[in-house]
Amino acid sequence: MTTTSFNTAGDAWWVATKPRPEATHRLFCFPYAGGSALAFRSWHERLPTGIEVCGIQLPGRGPRLRRALHTNVHELVEELGPALVPALDRPFVFFGHSLGSVVGFELARWLRRHGHPGPVHLVMSGRRAPQIADTDPPTYDQSHEEFVDSLRRLNGTPEEIFASPELLQFMIPILRADFQMGETYAYVPDAPLSCSLTVFGGEDDEETSNGRLEAWSVQTTDRFAVHRCAGGHFFLRSNQERFLALLGLELARLL
């Protein structure tokens, strides 16, 4: 695998499995809880060639395994922002799914606060609008058995992880930290972003039902679009072909 990266600590915050030096735009992809840059490794095959797909590699997983896990979205963004700035040398898009949506959203606001170029487009997926508070009880601090049951109900953790006690023991701290980030995220009101915004949700996902996906519209002063795909919270895996086709059409508007 060929890796392209910009970082300040000797390990890559992002990786491109298919570097495209000629690409006019970069798509930075922020993973869901427990996910890594590997989740996006094949996306370049289905997206326009003018897009270089870059998966964000959060601390505590992959080659960054020895890096401390984060439990707070804003603290993560304060570390990620300066590391990513050198890679913003061409127009770029942020994509995030679930936890990745609030990380990408807050990073876009961090760039604006610090006078850096912002994304030309945001794609937020599988997450209610940030201004809508989470009314569900937290799960990150549940007992081991309860937490595993919660993971099973989400249907996003591969069965082979549950089948391997060693692998499950390895993943639980990562998942707990990521769930803590998502469940304790505190939204701070601010002016809407000036870039266009597209949101995706699963037709059967309660997280984005009852207008909670459409409520993202107040976070932009530009074009806003909504797409729903058949499936639950992880429709981007179960219905990947349809999802990437729609994403490709949205990205083609920028080229």
C-alpha atoms as a PDB file:
ATOM      1  CA  MET A   1       0.000   0.000   0.000  1.00  0.00           C
ATOM      2  CA  THR A   2       1.327   3.382  -0.958  1.00  0.00           C
ATOM      3  CA  THR A   3       0.907   5.992   1.734  1.00  0.00           C
ATOM      4  CA  THR A   4       0.953   9.747   1.455  1.00  0.00           C
ATOM      5  CA  SER A   5       0.944  11.763   4.667  1.00  0.00           C
ATOM      6  CA  PHE A   6       1.573  15.075   6.318  1.00  0.00           C
ATOM      7  CA  ASN A   7       2.243  15.019  10.037  1.00  0.00           C
ATOM      8  CA  THR A   8       4.314  16.632  12.730  1.00  0.00           C
ATOM      9  CA  ALA A   9       4.997  13.636  14.942  1.00  0.00           C
ATOM     10  CA  GLY A  10       6.470  11.042  12.592  1.00  0.00           C
ATOM     11  CA  ASP A  11       3.222   9.113  12.105  1.00  0.00           C
ATOM     12  CA  ALA A  12       0.498   9.738   9.567  1.00  0.00           C
ATOM     13  CA  TRP A  13      -2.773  11.419  10.480  1.00  0.00           C
ATOM     14  CA  TRP A  14      -4.090  10.481   7.056  1.00  0.00           C
ATOM     15  CA  VAL A  15      -3.385   7.922   4.367  1.00  0.00           C
ATOM     16  CA  ALA A  16      -4.260   7.682   0.692  1.00  0.00           C
ATOM     17  CA  THR A  17      -4.295   4.088  -0.539  1.00  0.00           C
ATOM     18  CA  LYS A  18      -4.389   5.394  -4.124  1.00  0.00           C
ATOM     19  CA  PRO A  19      -2.427   8.660  -4.282  1.00  0.00           C
ATOM     20  CA  ARG A  20      -3.543  10.910  -7.126  1.00  0.00           C
ATOM     21  CA  PRO A  21      -1.065  13.782  -7.488  1.00  0.00           C
ATOM     22  CA  GLU A  22      -3.077  15.085 -10.426  1.00  0.00           C
ATOM     23  CA  ALA A  23      -6.334  15.228  -8.435  1.00  0.00           C
ATOM     24  CA  THR A  24      -7.875  18.662  -8.102  1.00  0.00           C
ATOM     25  CA  HIS A  25      -9.587  17.888  -4.773  1.00  0.00           C
ATOM     26  CA  ARG A  26      -8.938  15.848  -1.644  1.00  0.00           C
ATOM     27  CA  LEU A  27     -11.656  14.000   0.239  1.00  0.00           C
ATOM     28  CA  PHE A  28     -10.746  13.590   3.919  1.00  0.00           C
ATOM     29  CA  CYS A  29     -12.773  10.792   5.498  1.00  0.00           C
ATOM     30  CA  PHE A  30     -13.376  10.663   9.257  1.00  0.00           C
ATOM     31  CA  PRO A  31     -14.256   7.196  10.595  1.00  0.00           C
ATOM     32  CA  TYR A  32     -17.095   6.051  12.810  1.00  0.00           C
ATOM     33  CA  ALA A  33     -16.480   4.789  16.353  1.00  0.00           C
ATOM     34  CA  GLY A  34     -13.933   1.982  16.325  1.00  0.00           C
ATOM     35  CA  GLY A  35     -13.106   2.648  12.686  1.00  0.00           C
ATOM     36  CA  SER A  36      -9.840   3.537  11.005  1.00  0.00           C
ATOM     37  CA  ALA A  37      -8.531   4.777   7.671  1.00  0.00           C
ATOM     38  CA  LEU A  38      -8.914   1.224   6.333  1.00  0.00           C
ATOM     39  CA  ALA A  39     -12.683   1.756   6.139  1.00  0.00           C
ATOM     40  CA  PHE A  40     -12.106   3.958   3.071  1.00  0.00           C
ATOM     41  CA  ARG A  41      -9.339   2.001   1.362  1.00  0.00           C
ATOM     42  CA  SER A  42     -11.371   1.022  -1.727  1.00  0.00           C
ATOM     43  CA  TRP A  43     -13.491   4.143  -2.178  1.00  0.00           C
ATOM     44  CA  HIS A  44     -11.206   5.560  -4.861  1.00  0.00           C
ATOM     45  CA  GLU A  45     -12.414   2.789  -7.184  1.00  0.00           C
ATOM     46  CA  ARG A  46     -15.962   4.224  -7.226  1.00  0.00           C
ATOM     47  CA  LEU A  47     -15.351   7.975  -6.977  1.00  0.00           C
ATOM     48  CA  PRO A  48     -14.283  10.494  -9.678  1.00  0.00           C
ATOM     49  CA  THR A  49     -10.610  10.399 -10.624  1.00  0.00           C
ATOM     50  CA  GLY A  50     -10.336  14.100  -9.786  1.00  0.00           C
ATOM     51  CA  ILE A  51     -10.730  13.176  -6.112  1.00  0.00           C
ATOM     52  CA  GLU A  52      -7.922  11.845  -3.902  1.00  0.00           C
ATOM     53  CA  VAL A  53      -9.471   9.835  -1.051  1.00  0.00           C
ATOM     54  CA  CYS A  54      -7.654  10.286   2.259  1.00  0.00           C
ATOM     55  CA  GLY A  55      -8.686   8.271   5.306  1.00  0.00           C
ATOM     56  CA  ILE A  56      -8.084   9.928   8.666  1.00  0.00           C
ATOM     57  CA  GLN A  57      -6.084   7.700  11.026  1.00  0.00           C
ATOM     58  CA  LEU A  58      -7.044   8.518  14.595  1.00  0.00           C
ATOM     59  CA  PRO A  59      -4.665   7.767  17.486  1.00  0.00           C
ATOM     60  CA  GLY A  60      -4.790   4.341  19.086  1.00  0.00           C
ATOM     61  CA  ARG A  61      -5.309   2.219  15.971  1.00  0.00           C
ATOM     62  CA  GLY A  62      -3.412   0.966  12.942  1.00  0.00           C
ATOM     63  CA  PRO A  63       0.156   2.276  12.719  1.00  0.00           C
ATOM     64  CA  ARG A  64      -0.764   4.844  15.410  1.00  0.00           C
ATOM     65  CA  LEU A  65      -1.580   2.138  17.934  1.00  0.00           C
ATOM     66  CA  ARG A  66       0.738   3.498  20.614  1.00  0.00           C
ATOM     67  CA  ARG A  67      -0.802   6.961  20.484  1.00  0.00           C
ATOM     68  CA  ALA A  68      -3.167   7.797  23.347  1.00  0.00           C
ATOM     69  CA  LEU A  69      -6.878   7.490  22.620  1.00  0.00           C
ATOM     70  CA  HIS A  70      -9.005  10.610  22.728  1.00  0.00           C
ATOM     71  CA  THR A  71     -12.247  10.857  24.699  1.00  0.00           C
ATOM     72  CA  ASN A  72     -13.220  14.434  23.813  1.00  0.00           C
ATOM     73  CA  VAL A  73     -14.056  15.692  20.307  1.00  0.00           C
ATOM     74  CA  HIS A  74     -12.815  19.234  20.878  1.00  0.00           C
ATOM     75  CA  GLU A  75      -9.471  18.053  22.292  1.00  0.00           C
ATOM     76  CA  LEU A  76      -9.035  15.733  19.313  1.00  0.00           C
ATOM     77  CA  VAL A  77      -9.700  18.597  16.886  1.00  0.00           C
ATOM     78  CA  GLU A  78      -7.173  20.829  18.655  1.00  0.00           C
ATOM     79  CA  GLU A  79      -4.507  18.191  17.962  1.00  0.00           C
ATOM     80  CA  LEU A  80      -5.690  17.158  14.504  1.00  0.00           C
ATOM     81  CA  GLY A  81      -6.175  20.667  13.109  1.00  0.00           C
ATOM     82  CA  PRO A  82      -2.547  21.847  13.071  1.00  0.00           C
ATOM     83  CA  ALA A  83      -1.377  18.453  11.790  1.00  0.00           C
ATOM     84  CA  LEU A  84      -3.766  18.547   8.837  1.00  0.00           C
ATOM     85  CA  VAL A  85      -3.180  22.151   7.730  1.00  0.00           C
ATOM     86  CA  PRO A  86      -0.128  21.303   5.524  1.00  0.00           C
ATOM     87  CA  ALA A  87      -2.331  18.913   3.517  1.00  0.00           C
ATOM     88  CA  LEU A  88      -4.849  21.642   2.667  1.00  0.00           C
ATOM     89  CA  ASP A  89      -2.929  22.771  -0.405  1.00  0.00           C
ATOM     90  CA  ARG A  90      -5.830  22.188  -2.781  1.00  0.00           C
ATOM     91  CA  PRO A  91      -9.641  22.347  -2.487  1.00  0.00           C
ATOM     92  CA  PHE A  92     -10.888  19.703  -0.082  1.00  0.00           C
ATOM     93  CA  VAL A  93     -14.034  18.009   1.189  1.00  0.00           C
ATOM     94  CA  PHE A  94     -14.737  16.517   4.620  1.00  0.00           C
ATOM     95  CA  PHE A  95     -16.740  13.305   4.924  1.00  0.00           C
ATOM     96  CA  GLY A  96     -17.656  11.825   8.280  1.00  0.00           C
ATOM     97  CA  HIS A  97     -19.905   9.000   9.383  1.00  0.00           C
ATOM     98  CA  SER A  98     -21.514   8.955  12.837  1.00  0.00           C
ATOM     99  CA  LEU A  99     -18.744  10.071  15.241  1.00  0.00           C
ATOM    100  CA  GLY A 100     -16.751  11.140  12.185  1.00  0.00           C
ATOM    101  CA  SER A 101     -19.460  13.656  11.303  1.00  0.00           C
ATOM    102  CA  VAL A 102     -18.996  15.739  14.432  1.00  0.00           C
ATOM    103  CA  VAL A 103     -15.207  15.472  14.168  1.00  0.00           C
ATOM    104  CA  GLY A 104     -15.289  16.726  10.582  1.00  0.00           C
ATOM    105  CA  PHE A 105     -17.833  19.413  11.413  1.00  0.00           C
ATOM    106  CA  GLU A 106     -15.864  20.711  14.385  1.00  0.00           C
ATOM    107  CA  LEU A 107     -12.625  20.616  12.393  1.00  0.00           C
ATOM    108  CA  ALA A 108     -14.240  22.800   9.710  1.00  0.00           C
ATOM    109  CA  ARG A 109     -15.183  25.296  12.417  1.00  0.00           C
ATOM    110  CA  TRP A 110     -11.667  25.089  13.927  1.00  0.00           C
ATOM    111  CA  LEU A 111     -10.152  25.974  10.535  1.00  0.00           C
ATOM    112  CA  ARG A 112     -12.442  28.997  10.259  1.00  0.00           C
ATOM    113  CA  ARG A 113     -11.576  30.213  13.759  1.00  0.00           C
ATOM    114  CA  HIS A 114      -7.859  30.002  13.001  1.00  0.00           C
ATOM    115  CA  GLY A 115      -8.002  31.692   9.605  1.00  0.00           C
ATOM    116  CA  HIS A 116      -7.235  28.623   7.479  1.00  0.00           C
ATOM    117  CA  PRO A 117      -8.970  27.617   4.247  1.00  0.00           C
ATOM    118  CA  GLY A 118     -12.138  25.655   4.908  1.00  0.00           C
ATOM    119  CA  PRO A 119     -13.672  22.733   3.055  1.00  0.00           C
ATOM    120  CA  VAL A 120     -15.506  23.498  -0.158  1.00  0.00           C
ATOM    121  CA  HIS A 121     -18.087  20.897   0.799  1.00  0.00           C
ATOM    122  CA  LEU A 122     -19.119  18.894   3.851  1.00  0.00           C
ATOM    123  CA  VAL A 123     -20.662  15.425   3.680  1.00  0.00           C
ATOM    124  CA  MET A 124     -22.125  14.360   7.024  1.00  0.00           C
ATOM    125  CA  SER A 125     -23.513  10.859   7.423  1.00  0.00           C
ATOM    126  CA  GLY A 126     -25.346   8.761   9.999  1.00  0.00           C
ATOM    127  CA  ARG A 127     -25.504  11.459  12.687  1.00  0.00           C
ATOM    128  CA  ARG A 128     -28.238  13.785  13.881  1.00  0.00           C
ATOM    129  CA  ALA A 129     -27.572  17.516  13.469  1.00  0.00           C
ATOM    130  CA  PRO A 130     -25.022  18.700  16.065  1.00  0.00           C
ATOM    131  CA  GLN A 131     -27.365  21.225  17.696  1.00  0.00           C
ATOM    132  CA  ILE A 132     -29.777  18.418  18.660  1.00  0.00           C
ATOM    133  CA  ALA A 133     -28.838  17.089  22.097  1.00  0.00           C
ATOM    134  CA  ASP A 134     -28.461  13.368  22.702  1.00  0.00           C
ATOM    135  CA  THR A 135     -31.245  12.244  25.039  1.00  0.00           C
ATOM    136  CA  ASP A 136     -30.227   8.591  25.165  1.00  0.00           C
ATOM    137  CA  PRO A 137     -28.337   7.347  28.245  1.00  0.00           C
ATOM    138  CA  PRO A 138     -24.591   6.921  27.653  1.00  0.00           C
ATOM    139  CA  THR A 139     -23.213   3.484  26.874  1.00  0.00           C
ATOM    140  CA  TYR A 140     -19.455   4.081  27.039  1.00  0.00           C
ATOM    141  CA  ASP A 141     -19.375   3.509  30.812  1.00  0.00           C
ATOM    142  CA  GLN A 142     -21.565   0.400  30.843  1.00  0.00           C
ATOM    143  CA  SER A 143     -20.346  -2.906  32.233  1.00  0.00           C
ATOM    144  CA  HIS A 144     -18.518  -5.151  29.794  1.00  0.00           C
ATOM    145  CA  GLU A 145     -21.558  -7.325  29.165  1.00  0.00           C
ATOM    146  CA  GLU A 146     -23.897  -4.359  28.696  1.00  0.00           C
ATOM    147  CA  PHE A 147     -21.462  -2.598  26.395  1.00  0.00           C
ATOM    148  CA  VAL A 148     -21.056  -5.699  24.211  1.00  0.00           C
ATOM    149  CA  ASP A 149     -24.850  -5.987  23.992  1.00  0.00           C
ATOM    150  CA  SER A 150     -25.017  -2.331  22.901  1.00  0.00           C
ATOM    151  CA  LEU A 151     -22.441  -2.995  20.203  1.00  0.00           C
ATOM    152  CA  ARG A 152     -24.410  -5.956  18.916  1.00  0.00           C
ATOM    153  CA  ARG A 153     -27.597  -3.900  18.662  1.00  0.00           C
ATOM    154  CA  LEU A 154     -25.801  -1.269  16.565  1.00  0.00           C
ATOM    155  CA  ASN A 155     -24.869  -4.013  14.091  1.00  0.00           C
ATOM    156  CA  GLY A 156     -21.664  -2.264  13.076  1.00  0.00           C
ATOM    157  CA  THR A 157     -19.027  -4.460  14.718  1.00  0.00           C
ATOM    158  CA  PRO A 158     -17.916  -7.443  12.594  1.00  0.00           C
ATOM    159  CA  GLU A 159     -18.997 -10.798  14.021  1.00  0.00           C
ATOM    160  CA  GLU A 160     -15.414 -12.080  13.976  1.00  0.00           C
ATOM    161  CA  ILE A 161     -14.570  -9.565  16.696  1.00  0.00           C
ATOM    162  CA  PHE A 162     -17.281 -10.947  18.993  1.00  0.00           C
ATOM    163  CA  ALA A 163     -16.114 -14.481  18.187  1.00  0.00           C
ATOM    164  CA  SER A 164     -12.550 -13.759  19.348  1.00  0.00           C
ATOM    165  CA  PRO A 165     -12.126 -12.895  23.061  1.00  0.00           C
ATOM    166  CA  GLU A 166      -8.625 -11.556  22.364  1.00  0.00           C
ATOM    167  CA  LEU A 167      -9.760  -9.310  19.515  1.00  0.00           C
ATOM    168  CA  LEU A 168     -12.775  -8.117  21.490  1.00  0.00           C
ATOM    169  CA  GLN A 169     -10.566  -7.287  24.479  1.00  0.00           C
ATOM    170  CA  PHE A 170      -8.318  -5.281  22.164  1.00  0.00           C
ATOM    171  CA  MET A 171     -11.210  -3.358  20.569  1.00  0.00           C
ATOM    172  CA  ILE A 172     -13.241  -2.544  23.685  1.00  0.00           C
ATOM    173  CA  PRO A 173     -10.987   0.311  24.936  1.00  0.00           C
ATOM    174  CA  ILE A 174     -10.979   1.891  21.465  1.00  0.00           C
ATOM    175  CA  LEU A 175     -14.747   1.627  21.168  1.00  0.00           C
ATOM    176  CA  ARG A 176     -15.343   2.953  24.684  1.00  0.00           C
ATOM    177  CA  ALA A 177     -13.130   5.981  24.013  1.00  0.00           C
ATOM    178  CA  ASP A 178     -14.833   6.692  20.689  1.00  0.00           C
ATOM    179  CA  PHE A 179     -18.298   6.247  22.177  1.00  0.00           C
ATOM    180  CA  GLN A 180     -17.333   8.640  24.956  1.00  0.00           C
ATOM    181  CA  MET A 181     -16.326  11.221  22.351  1.00  0.00           C
ATOM    182  CA  GLY A 182     -19.641  10.892  20.573  1.00  0.00           C
ATOM    183  CA  GLU A 183     -21.868  10.668  23.627  1.00  0.00           C
ATOM    184  CA  THR A 184     -20.303  13.554  25.552  1.00  0.00           C
ATOM    185  CA  TYR A 185     -19.934  15.876  22.557  1.00  0.00           C
ATOM    186  CA  ALA A 186     -20.996  19.394  23.532  1.00  0.00           C
ATOM    187  CA  TYR A 187     -22.241  21.628  20.726  1.00  0.00           C
ATOM    188  CA  VAL A 188     -21.413  25.330  20.983  1.00  0.00           C
ATOM    189  CA  PRO A 189     -23.620  27.635  18.853  1.00  0.00           C
ATOM    190  CA  ASP A 190     -21.765  29.565  16.148  1.00  0.00           C
ATOM    191  CA  ALA A 191     -22.417  31.055  12.720  1.00  0.00           C
ATOM    192  CA  PRO A 192     -23.232  28.566   9.956  1.00  0.00           C
ATOM    193  CA  LEU A 193     -20.473  27.502   7.599  1.00  0.00           C
ATOM    194  CA  SER A 194     -20.275  29.005   4.116  1.00  0.00           C
ATOM    195  CA  CYS A 195     -19.578  25.737   2.266  1.00  0.00           C
ATOM    196  CA  SER A 196     -22.239  23.510   0.746  1.00  0.00           C
ATOM    197  CA  LEU A 197     -23.454  20.576   2.835  1.00  0.00           C
ATOM    198  CA  THR A 198     -24.791  17.133   1.963  1.00  0.00           C
ATOM    199  CA  VAL A 199     -26.161  14.691   4.524  1.00  0.00           C
ATOM    200  CA  PHE A 200     -26.753  10.949   4.280  1.00  0.00           C
ATOM    201  CA  GLY A 201     -28.828   8.664   6.451  1.00  0.00           C
ATOM    202  CA  GLY A 202     -30.125   5.121   6.522  1.00  0.00           C
ATOM    203  CA  GLU A 203     -33.858   4.712   5.980  1.00  0.00           C
ATOM    204  CA  ASP A 204     -34.062   2.485   9.058  1.00  0.00           C
ATOM    205  CA  ASP A 205     -31.676   4.433  11.308  1.00  0.00           C
ATOM    206  CA  GLU A 206     -33.394   5.991  14.327  1.00  0.00           C
ATOM    207  CA  GLU A 207     -30.363   8.259  14.855  1.00  0.00           C
ATOM    208  CA  THR A 208     -31.321  10.292  11.777  1.00  0.00           C
ATOM    209  CA  SER A 209     -35.122   9.917  11.840  1.00  0.00           C
ATOM    210  CA  ASN A 210     -37.827  12.484  12.642  1.00  0.00           C
ATOM    211  CA  GLY A 211     -36.098  15.428  10.978  1.00  0.00           C
ATOM    212  CA  ARG A 212     -32.807  15.021  12.841  1.00  0.00           C
ATOM    213  CA  LEU A 213     -30.920  14.624   9.562  1.00  0.00           C
ATOM    214  CA  GLU A 214     -32.655  17.506   7.809  1.00  0.00           C
ATOM    215  CA  ALA A 215     -31.845  19.758  10.795  1.00  0.00           C
ATOM    216  CA  TRP A 216     -28.245  19.961   9.512  1.00  0.00           C
ATOM    217  CA  SER A 217     -29.543  22.590   7.065  1.00  0.00           C
ATOM    218  CA  VAL A 218     -29.057  25.399   9.619  1.00  0.00           C
ATOM    219  CA  GLN A 219     -25.300  24.727   9.612  1.00  0.00           C
ATOM    220  CA  THR A 220     -24.741  26.128   6.108  1.00  0.00           C
ATOM    221  CA  THR A 221     -25.531  29.267   4.144  1.00  0.00           C
ATOM    222  CA  ASP A 222     -24.934  27.433   0.859  1.00  0.00           C
ATOM    223  CA  ARG A 223     -26.538  24.519  -0.976  1.00  0.00           C
ATOM    224  CA  PHE A 224     -27.997  21.766   1.202  1.00  0.00           C
ATOM    225  CA  ALA A 225     -28.953  18.254   0.062  1.00  0.00           C
ATOM    226  CA  VAL A 226     -30.308  15.146   1.783  1.00  0.00           C
ATOM    227  CA  HIS A 227     -29.930  11.536   0.656  1.00  0.00           C
ATOM    228  CA  ARG A 228     -31.384   8.464   2.326  1.00  0.00           C
ATOM    229  CA  CYS A 229     -30.226   4.975   1.483  1.00  0.00           C
ATOM    230  CA  ALA A 230     -31.871   1.661   2.252  1.00  0.00           C
ATOM    231  CA  GLY A 231     -30.425   0.185   5.426  1.00  0.00           C
ATOM    232  CA  GLY A 232     -29.706   0.979   9.038  1.00  0.00           C
ATOM    233  CA  HIS A 233     -26.963   2.967  10.729  1.00  0.00           C
ATOM    234  CA  PHE A 234     -24.239   1.302   8.657  1.00  0.00           C
ATOM    235  CA  PHE A 235     -25.953   1.650   5.280  1.00  0.00           C
ATOM    236  CA  LEU A 236     -22.636   2.864   3.843  1.00  0.00           C
ATOM    237  CA  ARG A 237     -21.423  -0.732   4.180  1.00  0.00           C
ATOM    238  CA  SER A 238     -24.603  -2.733   3.588  1.00  0.00           C
ATOM    239  CA  ASN A 239     -25.635  -0.529   0.644  1.00  0.00           C
ATOM    240  CA  GLN A 240     -22.191   0.672  -0.385  1.00  0.00           C
ATOM    241  CA  GLU A 241     -22.697   0.646  -4.143  1.00  0.00           C
ATOM    242  CA  ARG A 242     -25.719   2.957  -3.961  1.00  0.00           C
ATOM    243  CA  PHE A 243     -24.104   5.196  -1.349  1.00  0.00           C
ATOM    244  CA  LEU A 244     -20.856   5.668  -3.279  1.00  0.00           C
ATOM    245  CA  ALA A 245     -22.784   6.338  -6.486  1.00  0.00           C
ATOM    246  CA  LEU A 246     -24.659   9.179  -4.778  1.00  0.00           C
ATOM    247  CA  LEU A 247     -21.484  10.466  -3.132  1.00  0.00           C
ATOM    248  CA  GLY A 248     -19.726  10.409  -6.485  1.00  0.00           C
ATOM    249  CA  LEU A 249     -22.467  12.558  -8.016  1.00  0.00           C
ATOM    250  CA  GLU A 250     -22.163  15.096  -5.199  1.00  0.00           C
ATOM    251  CA  LEU A 251     -18.381  15.257  -5.601  1.00  0.00           C
ATOM    252  CA  ALA A 252     -18.626  15.571  -9.385  1.00  0.00           C
ATOM    253  CA  ARG A 253     -20.429  18.897  -8.859  1.00  0.00           C
ATOM    254  CA  LEU A 254     -17.139  20.297  -7.520  1.00  0.00           C
ATOM    255  CA  LEU A 255     -14.928  19.257 -10.436  1.00  0.00           C
END
